[in-house]
Amino acid sequence: MYDVLIIGGGAAGMSCALVLGSAKSKPFAEDKHIGIVMHQRTSHLQSALFNNVLGLTPGTLGSDILESGRAQLEHLYPHVDLIENEKVSSIIKSSDYFVITTNKSVYTSKVVVITVGYTKLLTIKGLENYIEPHPRANLEKERIWLKNDDHLVDHGLYVAGTLAGWRSQFAIASGSGAQVATDILTLWNNGKHTKIHDKL
């Protein structure tokens, strides 16, 4: 049983995993089981080139961020399970947890964070009732979002990145994933607003 399982290994998903992983030393997070399904094949980062992102060297490739983000998670937070080469086919609510089925396995988690892209090709069963036209994308592109209130789709079910209704900018997607992570940390910390910083 995971305490949180993140679906999608792009900007929002890895940002969420990094913030959650960085809280390991806190008493409210030390025993939490965190996982991320690292499906990256359809990530918009695959074809991205960055010249306008604070902190990134101009000319940085999105495909390189996909690799470096995975390495950062593995190196700094090895307690976060990276689930490779699996694609989620369904997410079904079952009383107080979710059953997540992939092409290879079945997982359970108390909290799920969806961070996949915002195309109408989304095929994860169990999410159909939340899908609506994207509020911040051109209509002709037929983008979608999971209707949510401040990233919360339903009890225990969060969405981050473009699928949460945000525009397709790397910094926005990353920030959205980090925001969801701090919301989950706040939940784990009995409602006390929580953020994680490293300081000199």
N, C-alpha and C. Protein backbone atom coordinates (compact mmCIF):
# COMPACT_ATOMS: atom_id res chain seq x y z
N MET A 1 0.85 -1.19 0.00
CA MET A 1 0.00 0.00 0.00
C MET A 1 0.88 1.24 0.00
N TYR A 2 0.73 2.06 -1.01
CA TYR A 2 1.43 3.35 -1.05
C TYR A 2 0.63 4.38 -0.26
N ASP A 3 1.34 5.32 0.33
CA ASP A 3 0.67 6.48 0.90
C ASP A 3 0.35 7.48 -0.19
N VAL A 4 1.22 7.56 -1.19
CA VAL A 4 0.94 8.38 -2.37
C VAL A 4 1.60 7.74 -3.58
N LEU A 5 0.86 7.66 -4.68
CA LEU A 5 1.39 7.17 -5.94
C LEU A 5 1.14 8.24 -6.99
N ILE A 6 2.24 8.70 -7.62
CA ILE A 6 2.17 9.73 -8.66
C ILE A 6 2.15 9.04 -10.01
N ILE A 7 1.26 9.47 -10.87
CA ILE A 7 1.12 8.88 -12.20
C ILE A 7 1.67 9.86 -13.23
N GLY A 8 2.85 9.58 -13.78
CA GLY A 8 3.44 10.43 -14.80
C GLY A 8 4.78 10.97 -14.37
N GLY A 9 5.81 10.81 -15.24
CA GLY A 9 7.17 11.20 -14.90
C GLY A 9 7.66 12.43 -15.64
N GLY A 10 6.76 13.39 -15.91
CA GLY A 10 7.16 14.64 -16.54
C GLY A 10 7.49 15.71 -15.50
N ALA A 11 7.37 16.97 -15.90
CA ALA A 11 7.75 18.08 -15.02
C ALA A 11 6.94 18.09 -13.73
N ALA A 12 5.62 18.00 -13.83
CA ALA A 12 4.78 18.05 -12.63
C ALA A 12 4.99 16.83 -11.75
N GLY A 13 5.06 15.65 -12.35
CA GLY A 13 5.20 14.43 -11.57
C GLY A 13 6.51 14.36 -10.83
N MET A 14 7.62 14.64 -11.53
CA MET A 14 8.91 14.57 -10.85
C MET A 14 9.08 15.67 -9.82
N SER A 15 8.52 16.87 -10.08
CA SER A 15 8.58 17.93 -9.07
C SER A 15 7.84 17.53 -7.81
N CYS A 16 6.68 16.92 -7.99
CA CYS A 16 5.90 16.43 -6.85
C CYS A 16 6.69 15.39 -6.07
N ALA A 17 7.30 14.44 -6.79
CA ALA A 17 8.06 13.38 -6.14
C ALA A 17 9.29 13.92 -5.41
N LEU A 18 9.95 14.91 -5.98
CA LEU A 18 11.14 15.48 -5.34
C LEU A 18 10.79 16.16 -4.02
N VAL A 19 9.70 16.93 -4.01
CA VAL A 19 9.31 17.62 -2.77
C VAL A 19 8.85 16.61 -1.72
N LEU A 20 8.05 15.63 -2.12
CA LEU A 20 7.63 14.61 -1.16
C LEU A 20 8.83 13.83 -0.64
N GLY A 21 9.73 13.45 -1.53
CA GLY A 21 10.91 12.69 -1.12
C GLY A 21 11.80 13.46 -0.17
N SER A 22 11.85 14.78 -0.34
CA SER A 22 12.74 15.60 0.49
C SER A 22 12.25 15.73 1.92
N ALA A 23 11.03 15.29 2.21
CA ALA A 23 10.46 15.41 3.56
C ALA A 23 10.74 14.19 4.42
N LYS A 24 11.54 13.25 3.94
CA LYS A 24 11.77 11.97 4.63
C LYS A 24 12.21 12.14 6.08
N SER A 25 12.96 13.21 6.37
CA SER A 25 13.49 13.38 7.73
C SER A 25 12.45 13.93 8.71
N LYS A 26 11.30 14.34 8.22
CA LYS A 26 10.26 14.89 9.09
C LYS A 26 9.46 13.75 9.73
N PRO A 27 9.12 13.87 11.00
CA PRO A 27 8.40 12.79 11.68
C PRO A 27 7.10 12.39 11.00
N PHE A 28 6.39 13.35 10.42
CA PHE A 28 5.11 13.05 9.79
C PHE A 28 5.26 12.36 8.43
N ALA A 29 6.49 12.32 7.89
CA ALA A 29 6.69 11.73 6.56
C ALA A 29 7.67 10.56 6.56
N GLU A 30 8.31 10.29 7.69
CA GLU A 30 9.41 9.33 7.69
C GLU A 30 8.98 7.90 7.35
N ASP A 31 7.72 7.57 7.63
CA ASP A 31 7.26 6.21 7.36
C ASP A 31 6.36 6.12 6.13
N LYS A 32 6.30 7.18 5.35
CA LYS A 32 5.39 7.20 4.20
C LYS A 32 6.01 6.47 3.01
N HIS A 33 5.17 5.71 2.33
CA HIS A 33 5.59 4.93 1.16
C HIS A 33 5.18 5.72 -0.09
N ILE A 34 6.16 6.20 -0.85
CA ILE A 34 5.94 7.09 -2.00
C ILE A 34 6.40 6.38 -3.26
N GLY A 35 5.60 6.49 -4.32
CA GLY A 35 5.98 5.91 -5.60
C GLY A 35 5.59 6.82 -6.74
N ILE A 36 6.27 6.65 -7.87
CA ILE A 36 5.93 7.40 -9.09
C ILE A 36 6.05 6.46 -10.29
N VAL A 37 4.98 6.42 -11.08
CA VAL A 37 5.00 5.66 -12.32
C VAL A 37 5.67 6.56 -13.36
N MET A 38 6.88 6.18 -13.77
CA MET A 38 7.74 7.07 -14.57
C MET A 38 7.46 7.00 -16.07
N HIS A 39 6.20 6.90 -16.44
CA HIS A 39 5.88 6.88 -17.87
C HIS A 39 6.20 8.26 -18.46
N GLN A 40 7.14 8.31 -19.41
CA GLN A 40 7.60 9.59 -19.96
C GLN A 40 7.47 9.68 -21.48
N ARG A 41 7.05 8.61 -22.11
CA ARG A 41 7.08 8.56 -23.58
C ARG A 41 6.26 9.68 -24.22
N THR A 42 5.12 10.04 -23.62
CA THR A 42 4.25 11.06 -24.21
C THR A 42 4.44 12.44 -23.59
N SER A 43 5.44 12.60 -22.72
CA SER A 43 5.68 13.89 -22.09
C SER A 43 6.05 14.94 -23.13
N HIS A 44 5.50 16.15 -22.97
CA HIS A 44 5.85 17.25 -23.87
C HIS A 44 7.31 17.65 -23.72
N LEU A 45 7.96 17.20 -22.64
CA LEU A 45 9.39 17.49 -22.48
C LEU A 45 10.22 16.79 -23.56
N GLN A 46 9.70 15.74 -24.15
CA GLN A 46 10.46 15.00 -25.16
C GLN A 46 10.90 15.91 -26.31
N SER A 47 10.10 16.93 -26.64
CA SER A 47 10.43 17.80 -27.77
C SER A 47 10.69 19.25 -27.35
N ALA A 48 10.91 19.48 -26.06
CA ALA A 48 11.04 20.86 -25.57
C ALA A 48 12.48 21.37 -25.63
N LEU A 49 12.60 22.67 -25.88
CA LEU A 49 13.87 23.40 -25.82
C LEU A 49 13.62 24.62 -24.95
N PHE A 50 14.48 24.83 -23.93
CA PHE A 50 14.24 25.89 -22.96
C PHE A 50 15.28 27.00 -23.05
N ASN A 51 14.78 28.22 -23.30
CA ASN A 51 15.61 29.42 -23.27
C ASN A 51 15.09 30.44 -22.27
N ASN A 52 13.85 30.24 -21.76
CA ASN A 52 13.21 31.27 -20.94
C ASN A 52 12.80 30.78 -19.56
N VAL A 53 13.54 29.80 -19.01
CA VAL A 53 13.20 29.26 -17.69
C VAL A 53 14.29 29.65 -16.70
N LEU A 54 13.88 30.31 -15.63
CA LEU A 54 14.82 30.73 -14.59
C LEU A 54 15.57 29.52 -14.03
N GLY A 55 16.89 29.62 -14.00
CA GLY A 55 17.70 28.57 -13.41
C GLY A 55 18.17 27.51 -14.39
N LEU A 56 17.61 27.47 -15.59
CA LEU A 56 18.05 26.53 -16.61
C LEU A 56 18.94 27.24 -17.62
N THR A 57 20.06 26.62 -17.97
CA THR A 57 20.94 27.18 -18.98
C THR A 57 20.20 27.24 -20.31
N PRO A 58 20.20 28.41 -20.98
CA PRO A 58 19.54 28.49 -22.29
C PRO A 58 20.04 27.38 -23.22
N GLY A 59 19.10 26.78 -23.93
CA GLY A 59 19.43 25.67 -24.81
C GLY A 59 19.22 24.31 -24.17
N THR A 60 18.80 24.28 -22.90
CA THR A 60 18.53 23.01 -22.22
C THR A 60 17.41 22.26 -22.94
N LEU A 61 17.59 20.99 -23.14
CA LEU A 61 16.59 20.16 -23.79
C LEU A 61 15.68 19.49 -22.76
N GLY A 62 14.40 19.43 -23.08
CA GLY A 62 13.46 18.74 -22.20
C GLY A 62 13.79 17.28 -22.03
N SER A 63 14.29 16.65 -23.08
CA SER A 63 14.65 15.23 -22.99
C SER A 63 15.77 15.02 -21.98
N ASP A 64 16.68 16.00 -21.86
CA ASP A 64 17.74 15.90 -20.86
C ASP A 64 17.19 16.05 -19.45
N ILE A 65 16.16 16.90 -19.29
CA ILE A 65 15.53 17.07 -17.97
C ILE A 65 14.84 15.78 -17.54
N LEU A 66 14.23 15.08 -18.50
CA LEU A 66 13.61 13.80 -18.16
C LEU A 66 14.64 12.84 -17.56
N GLU A 67 15.84 12.82 -18.12
CA GLU A 67 16.89 11.93 -17.63
C GLU A 67 17.50 12.44 -16.33
N SER A 68 17.78 13.73 -16.27
CA SER A 68 18.42 14.27 -15.06
C SER A 68 17.47 14.26 -13.88
N GLY A 69 16.16 14.45 -14.14
CA GLY A 69 15.18 14.39 -13.05
C GLY A 69 15.10 13.00 -12.45
N ARG A 70 15.11 11.99 -13.31
CA ARG A 70 15.11 10.61 -12.82
C ARG A 70 16.36 10.35 -11.99
N ALA A 71 17.53 10.81 -12.48
CA ALA A 71 18.78 10.59 -11.75
C ALA A 71 18.76 11.32 -10.41
N GLN A 72 18.19 12.53 -10.39
CA GLN A 72 18.10 13.30 -9.14
C GLN A 72 17.25 12.56 -8.12
N LEU A 73 16.12 12.02 -8.53
CA LEU A 73 15.27 11.25 -7.63
C LEU A 73 16.00 10.02 -7.10
N GLU A 74 16.66 9.30 -7.99
CA GLU A 74 17.36 8.08 -7.59
C GLU A 74 18.49 8.37 -6.62
N HIS A 75 19.22 9.46 -6.86
CA HIS A 75 20.39 9.78 -6.05
C HIS A 75 20.02 10.38 -4.69
N LEU A 76 19.13 11.38 -4.69
CA LEU A 76 18.82 12.09 -3.45
C LEU A 76 17.76 11.38 -2.60
N TYR A 77 16.79 10.74 -3.24
CA TYR A 77 15.66 10.19 -2.51
C TYR A 77 15.38 8.75 -2.96
N PRO A 78 16.31 7.84 -2.68
CA PRO A 78 16.15 6.46 -3.14
C PRO A 78 14.97 5.73 -2.49
N HIS A 79 14.40 6.30 -1.43
CA HIS A 79 13.23 5.69 -0.80
C HIS A 79 11.96 5.89 -1.63
N VAL A 80 12.01 6.77 -2.63
CA VAL A 80 10.87 6.95 -3.54
C VAL A 80 10.96 5.87 -4.62
N ASP A 81 9.93 5.05 -4.73
CA ASP A 81 9.92 3.97 -5.72
C ASP A 81 9.69 4.54 -7.12
N LEU A 82 10.62 4.28 -8.03
CA LEU A 82 10.46 4.65 -9.43
C LEU A 82 9.97 3.42 -10.18
N ILE A 83 8.75 3.48 -10.65
CA ILE A 83 8.14 2.36 -11.36
C ILE A 83 8.33 2.60 -12.85
N GLU A 84 9.21 1.81 -13.45
CA GLU A 84 9.61 2.02 -14.84
C GLU A 84 8.85 1.11 -15.79
N ASN A 85 8.72 1.57 -17.04
CA ASN A 85 8.19 0.75 -18.14
C ASN A 85 6.79 0.20 -17.87
N GLU A 86 5.97 1.00 -17.19
CA GLU A 86 4.58 0.62 -16.98
C GLU A 86 3.68 1.80 -17.33
N LYS A 87 2.51 1.50 -17.85
CA LYS A 87 1.53 2.51 -18.20
C LYS A 87 0.23 2.20 -17.48
N VAL A 88 -0.34 3.22 -16.83
CA VAL A 88 -1.56 3.03 -16.04
C VAL A 88 -2.76 2.92 -16.97
N SER A 89 -3.58 1.91 -16.72
CA SER A 89 -4.80 1.72 -17.52
C SER A 89 -6.07 2.06 -16.75
N SER A 90 -6.04 1.97 -15.41
CA SER A 90 -7.23 2.32 -14.64
C SER A 90 -6.86 2.74 -13.22
N ILE A 91 -7.70 3.62 -12.67
CA ILE A 91 -7.58 4.07 -11.28
C ILE A 91 -8.99 4.00 -10.71
N ILE A 92 -9.21 3.07 -9.79
CA ILE A 92 -10.55 2.83 -9.27
C ILE A 92 -10.56 3.06 -7.76
N LYS A 93 -11.50 3.88 -7.33
CA LYS A 93 -11.67 4.15 -5.90
C LYS A 93 -12.29 2.95 -5.21
N SER A 94 -11.70 2.53 -4.08
CA SER A 94 -12.21 1.39 -3.33
C SER A 94 -12.21 1.77 -1.85
N SER A 95 -13.34 2.14 -1.34
CA SER A 95 -13.51 2.64 0.04
C SER A 95 -12.52 3.76 0.33
N ASP A 96 -11.48 3.52 1.10
CA ASP A 96 -10.57 4.60 1.49
C ASP A 96 -9.22 4.52 0.81
N TYR A 97 -9.14 3.83 -0.32
CA TYR A 97 -7.90 3.79 -1.09
C TYR A 97 -8.23 3.60 -2.57
N PHE A 98 -7.19 3.63 -3.39
CA PHE A 98 -7.36 3.47 -4.83
C PHE A 98 -6.65 2.21 -5.29
N VAL A 99 -7.21 1.57 -6.31
CA VAL A 99 -6.58 0.44 -6.97
C VAL A 99 -6.10 0.93 -8.34
N ILE A 100 -4.79 0.86 -8.55
CA ILE A 100 -4.18 1.36 -9.78
C ILE A 100 -3.67 0.17 -10.57
N THR A 101 -4.19 0.01 -11.78
CA THR A 101 -3.80 -1.11 -12.64
C THR A 101 -2.94 -0.59 -13.79
N THR A 102 -1.82 -1.26 -14.03
CA THR A 102 -0.96 -0.91 -15.16
C THR A 102 -0.95 -2.09 -16.14
N ASN A 103 -0.17 -1.95 -17.20
CA ASN A 103 -0.04 -3.04 -18.16
C ASN A 103 0.72 -4.23 -17.59
N LYS A 104 1.32 -4.08 -16.39
CA LYS A 104 2.11 -5.16 -15.81
C LYS A 104 1.72 -5.54 -14.39
N SER A 105 1.14 -4.60 -13.62
CA SER A 105 0.95 -4.83 -12.18
C SER A 105 -0.32 -4.16 -11.68
N VAL A 106 -0.62 -4.42 -10.41
CA VAL A 106 -1.72 -3.76 -9.71
C VAL A 106 -1.16 -3.19 -8.41
N TYR A 107 -1.46 -1.92 -8.13
CA TYR A 107 -0.98 -1.25 -6.92
C TYR A 107 -2.17 -0.69 -6.16
N THR A 108 -1.96 -0.43 -4.87
CA THR A 108 -2.96 0.29 -4.07
C THR A 108 -2.28 1.50 -3.45
N SER A 109 -3.06 2.56 -3.28
CA SER A 109 -2.51 3.78 -2.69
C SER A 109 -3.62 4.58 -2.00
N LYS A 110 -3.27 5.21 -0.89
CA LYS A 110 -4.23 6.04 -0.17
C LYS A 110 -4.49 7.34 -0.91
N VAL A 111 -3.45 7.87 -1.58
CA VAL A 111 -3.55 9.11 -2.35
C VAL A 111 -2.96 8.87 -3.73
N VAL A 112 -3.59 9.45 -4.76
CA VAL A 112 -3.09 9.36 -6.12
C VAL A 112 -2.97 10.78 -6.68
N VAL A 113 -1.86 11.03 -7.40
CA VAL A 113 -1.65 12.31 -8.08
C VAL A 113 -1.50 12.02 -9.56
N ILE A 114 -2.38 12.59 -10.38
CA ILE A 114 -2.34 12.39 -11.83
C ILE A 114 -1.57 13.56 -12.44
N THR A 115 -0.49 13.25 -13.18
CA THR A 115 0.33 14.33 -13.77
C THR A 115 0.63 14.07 -15.24
N VAL A 116 -0.24 13.30 -15.90
CA VAL A 116 -0.02 13.03 -17.32
C VAL A 116 -0.47 14.22 -18.15
N GLY A 117 -0.20 14.19 -19.45
CA GLY A 117 -0.52 15.31 -20.33
C GLY A 117 -2.00 15.56 -20.50
N TYR A 118 -2.31 16.66 -21.20
CA TYR A 118 -3.69 17.13 -21.28
C TYR A 118 -4.33 16.90 -22.64
N THR A 119 -3.90 15.85 -23.34
CA THR A 119 -4.51 15.56 -24.63
C THR A 119 -5.77 14.73 -24.45
N LYS A 120 -6.64 14.80 -25.46
CA LYS A 120 -7.90 14.05 -25.40
C LYS A 120 -7.67 12.54 -25.52
N LEU A 121 -6.42 12.14 -25.72
CA LEU A 121 -6.09 10.72 -25.84
C LEU A 121 -5.96 10.02 -24.49
N LEU A 122 -6.22 10.73 -23.41
CA LEU A 122 -6.17 10.13 -22.08
C LEU A 122 -7.08 8.90 -22.02
N THR A 123 -6.51 7.77 -21.64
CA THR A 123 -7.27 6.51 -21.68
C THR A 123 -7.32 5.80 -20.33
N ILE A 124 -7.09 6.51 -19.25
CA ILE A 124 -7.11 5.89 -17.93
C ILE A 124 -8.56 5.73 -17.46
N LYS A 125 -9.02 4.50 -17.32
CA LYS A 125 -10.39 4.25 -16.87
C LYS A 125 -10.54 4.67 -15.41
N GLY A 126 -11.70 5.18 -15.09
CA GLY A 126 -11.98 5.65 -13.75
C GLY A 126 -11.92 7.16 -13.62
N LEU A 127 -11.40 7.83 -14.65
CA LEU A 127 -11.29 9.29 -14.63
C LEU A 127 -12.34 9.98 -15.51
N GLU A 128 -13.15 9.19 -16.22
CA GLU A 128 -14.05 9.75 -17.23
C GLU A 128 -14.97 10.84 -16.69
N ASN A 129 -15.47 10.67 -15.48
CA ASN A 129 -16.45 11.63 -14.94
C ASN A 129 -15.84 12.98 -14.60
N TYR A 130 -14.52 13.07 -14.59
CA TYR A 130 -13.86 14.33 -14.22
C TYR A 130 -13.37 15.12 -15.44
N ILE A 131 -13.43 14.52 -16.62
CA ILE A 131 -12.84 15.13 -17.82
C ILE A 131 -13.76 16.20 -18.40
N GLU A 132 -13.17 17.38 -18.67
CA GLU A 132 -13.88 18.48 -19.32
C GLU A 132 -12.92 19.18 -20.27
N PRO A 133 -13.44 20.02 -21.20
CA PRO A 133 -12.55 20.79 -22.07
C PRO A 133 -11.63 21.70 -21.25
N HIS A 134 -10.39 21.81 -21.68
CA HIS A 134 -9.39 22.58 -20.94
C HIS A 134 -9.74 24.07 -20.95
N PRO A 135 -9.72 24.73 -19.78
CA PRO A 135 -10.13 26.14 -19.71
C PRO A 135 -9.08 27.14 -20.20
N ARG A 136 -7.84 26.70 -20.42
CA ARG A 136 -6.78 27.63 -20.81
C ARG A 136 -6.02 27.17 -22.05
N ALA A 137 -6.71 26.49 -22.94
CA ALA A 137 -6.08 26.03 -24.18
C ALA A 137 -7.00 26.39 -25.35
N ASN A 138 -6.42 26.55 -26.53
CA ASN A 138 -7.20 26.85 -27.72
C ASN A 138 -8.14 25.69 -28.02
N LEU A 139 -9.39 26.02 -28.32
CA LEU A 139 -10.42 25.00 -28.53
C LEU A 139 -10.06 24.02 -29.63
N GLU A 140 -9.43 24.51 -30.70
CA GLU A 140 -9.13 23.63 -31.83
C GLU A 140 -8.13 22.52 -31.48
N LYS A 141 -7.38 22.69 -30.39
CA LYS A 141 -6.43 21.66 -29.97
C LYS A 141 -7.09 20.54 -29.17
N GLU A 142 -8.33 20.76 -28.77
CA GLU A 142 -9.11 19.74 -28.05
C GLU A 142 -8.38 19.21 -26.82
N ARG A 143 -7.80 20.12 -26.04
CA ARG A 143 -7.15 19.73 -24.79
C ARG A 143 -8.20 19.50 -23.71
N ILE A 144 -7.83 18.71 -22.70
CA ILE A 144 -8.76 18.41 -21.61
C ILE A 144 -8.13 18.74 -20.26
N TRP A 145 -8.96 18.76 -19.24
CA TRP A 145 -8.46 18.84 -17.87
C TRP A 145 -9.32 17.94 -16.99
N LEU A 146 -8.80 17.63 -15.81
CA LEU A 146 -9.61 16.96 -14.80
C LEU A 146 -10.15 18.06 -13.89
N LYS A 147 -11.45 18.25 -13.92
CA LYS A 147 -12.05 19.33 -13.13
C LYS A 147 -11.64 19.17 -11.67
N ASN A 148 -11.14 20.27 -11.10
CA ASN A 148 -10.61 20.20 -9.74
C ASN A 148 -10.78 21.51 -9.01
N ASP A 149 -10.64 21.47 -7.72
CA ASP A 149 -10.66 22.66 -6.88
C ASP A 149 -9.29 22.77 -6.23
N ASP A 150 -8.45 23.66 -6.75
CA ASP A 150 -7.09 23.85 -6.23
C ASP A 150 -6.33 22.53 -6.22
N HIS A 151 -6.36 21.84 -7.36
CA HIS A 151 -5.67 20.57 -7.61
C HIS A 151 -6.38 19.34 -7.06
N LEU A 152 -7.39 19.51 -6.24
CA LEU A 152 -8.08 18.37 -5.64
C LEU A 152 -9.27 17.98 -6.51
N VAL A 153 -9.22 16.78 -7.07
CA VAL A 153 -10.28 16.28 -7.95
C VAL A 153 -11.38 15.63 -7.12
N ASP A 154 -10.98 14.81 -6.18
CA ASP A 154 -11.90 14.08 -5.30
C ASP A 154 -11.09 13.72 -4.07
N HIS A 155 -11.75 13.20 -3.06
CA HIS A 155 -11.03 12.86 -1.83
C HIS A 155 -9.89 11.89 -2.14
N GLY A 156 -8.67 12.32 -1.85
CA GLY A 156 -7.50 11.48 -2.07
C GLY A 156 -6.98 11.48 -3.50
N LEU A 157 -7.63 12.20 -4.40
CA LEU A 157 -7.25 12.22 -5.81
C LEU A 157 -6.88 13.64 -6.23
N TYR A 158 -5.62 13.83 -6.60
CA TYR A 158 -5.11 15.13 -7.02
C TYR A 158 -4.70 15.09 -8.48
N VAL A 159 -4.61 16.28 -9.08
CA VAL A 159 -4.10 16.42 -10.44
C VAL A 159 -3.13 17.59 -10.44
N ALA A 160 -2.07 17.49 -11.26
CA ALA A 160 -1.08 18.57 -11.34
C ALA A 160 -0.64 18.75 -12.78
N GLY A 161 -0.13 19.94 -13.09
CA GLY A 161 0.37 20.24 -14.42
C GLY A 161 -0.73 20.68 -15.36
N THR A 162 -0.52 20.46 -16.65
CA THR A 162 -1.48 20.91 -17.66
C THR A 162 -2.84 20.25 -17.48
N LEU A 163 -2.87 19.01 -17.02
CA LEU A 163 -4.14 18.32 -16.82
C LEU A 163 -4.95 18.92 -15.67
N ALA A 164 -4.31 19.76 -14.85
CA ALA A 164 -5.00 20.45 -13.76
C ALA A 164 -5.64 21.75 -14.24
N GLY A 165 -5.46 22.06 -15.54
CA GLY A 165 -6.06 23.27 -16.09
C GLY A 165 -5.08 24.40 -16.31
N TRP A 166 -3.78 24.14 -16.08
CA TRP A 166 -2.77 25.19 -16.26
C TRP A 166 -2.24 25.20 -17.68
N ARG A 167 -1.63 26.33 -18.05
CA ARG A 167 -1.04 26.45 -19.38
C ARG A 167 0.23 25.62 -19.47
N SER A 168 0.59 25.30 -20.69
CA SER A 168 1.73 24.42 -20.94
C SER A 168 3.03 25.22 -20.92
N GLN A 169 3.50 25.52 -19.73
CA GLN A 169 4.81 26.15 -19.48
C GLN A 169 5.52 25.29 -18.44
N PHE A 170 6.80 25.03 -18.68
CA PHE A 170 7.57 24.16 -17.79
C PHE A 170 7.51 24.63 -16.34
N ALA A 171 7.73 25.93 -16.12
CA ALA A 171 7.76 26.45 -14.75
C ALA A 171 6.40 26.31 -14.07
N ILE A 172 5.33 26.47 -14.84
CA ILE A 172 3.98 26.34 -14.27
C ILE A 172 3.71 24.89 -13.89
N ALA A 173 4.04 23.96 -14.79
CA ALA A 173 3.82 22.54 -14.50
C ALA A 173 4.63 22.09 -13.29
N SER A 174 5.90 22.50 -13.23
CA SER A 174 6.75 22.14 -12.10
C SER A 174 6.19 22.69 -10.80
N GLY A 175 5.77 23.95 -10.83
CA GLY A 175 5.21 24.57 -9.63
C GLY A 175 3.92 23.91 -9.18
N SER A 176 3.11 23.50 -10.15
CA SER A 176 1.87 22.81 -9.84
C SER A 176 2.14 21.49 -9.11
N GLY A 177 3.12 20.74 -9.60
CA GLY A 177 3.49 19.49 -8.93
C GLY A 177 4.01 19.73 -7.52
N ALA A 178 4.83 20.77 -7.35
CA ALA A 178 5.35 21.10 -6.02
C ALA A 178 4.24 21.54 -5.08
N GLN A 179 3.26 22.28 -5.62
CA GLN A 179 2.13 22.73 -4.80
C GLN A 179 1.34 21.53 -4.27
N VAL A 180 1.06 20.57 -5.14
CA VAL A 180 0.33 19.37 -4.71
C VAL A 180 1.13 18.62 -3.64
N ALA A 181 2.45 18.54 -3.82
CA ALA A 181 3.28 17.87 -2.82
C ALA A 181 3.15 18.54 -1.45
N THR A 182 3.18 19.86 -1.41
CA THR A 182 3.05 20.55 -0.12
C THR A 182 1.65 20.40 0.45
N ASP A 183 0.64 20.28 -0.41
CA ASP A 183 -0.71 20.01 0.10
C ASP A 183 -0.77 18.63 0.76
N ILE A 184 -0.11 17.65 0.15
CA ILE A 184 -0.09 16.30 0.72
C ILE A 184 0.71 16.29 2.02
N LEU A 185 1.84 16.99 2.04
CA LEU A 185 2.63 17.08 3.28
C LEU A 185 1.82 17.75 4.39
N THR A 186 1.04 18.76 4.04
CA THR A 186 0.17 19.43 5.01
C THR A 186 -0.86 18.45 5.55
N LEU A 187 -1.42 17.63 4.66
CA LEU A 187 -2.36 16.59 5.07
C LEU A 187 -1.71 15.63 6.06
N TRP A 188 -0.49 15.18 5.74
CA TRP A 188 0.22 14.27 6.62
C TRP A 188 0.59 14.92 7.95
N ASN A 189 0.75 16.24 7.94
CA ASN A 189 1.16 16.99 9.13
C ASN A 189 -0.05 17.52 9.89
N ASN A 190 -1.15 16.75 9.83
CA ASN A 190 -2.38 17.07 10.57
C ASN A 190 -2.92 18.46 10.27
N GLY A 191 -2.80 18.89 9.01
CA GLY A 191 -3.37 20.16 8.59
C GLY A 191 -2.51 21.38 8.85
N LYS A 192 -1.32 21.19 9.42
CA LYS A 192 -0.42 22.32 9.65
C LYS A 192 0.31 22.62 8.34
N HIS A 193 0.17 23.85 7.84
CA HIS A 193 0.75 24.21 6.55
C HIS A 193 2.25 23.89 6.54
N THR A 194 2.66 23.16 5.50
CA THR A 194 3.99 22.57 5.47
C THR A 194 4.68 22.83 4.14
N LYS A 195 5.95 23.19 4.21
CA LYS A 195 6.82 23.29 3.04
C LYS A 195 8.19 22.79 3.46
N ILE A 196 8.98 22.39 2.49
CA ILE A 196 10.30 21.82 2.78
C ILE A 196 11.35 22.65 2.06
N HIS A 197 12.29 23.21 2.84
CA HIS A 197 13.38 23.99 2.26
C HIS A 197 14.72 23.41 2.74
N ASP A 198 15.69 23.43 1.86
CA ASP A 198 17.07 23.19 2.27
C ASP A 198 17.73 24.54 2.45
N LYS A 199 18.52 24.69 3.52
CA LYS A 199 19.18 25.99 3.81
C LYS A 199 20.64 25.78 4.09
N LEU A 200 21.43 26.81 3.79
CA LEU A 200 22.86 26.77 4.10
C LEU A 200 23.08 26.89 5.60
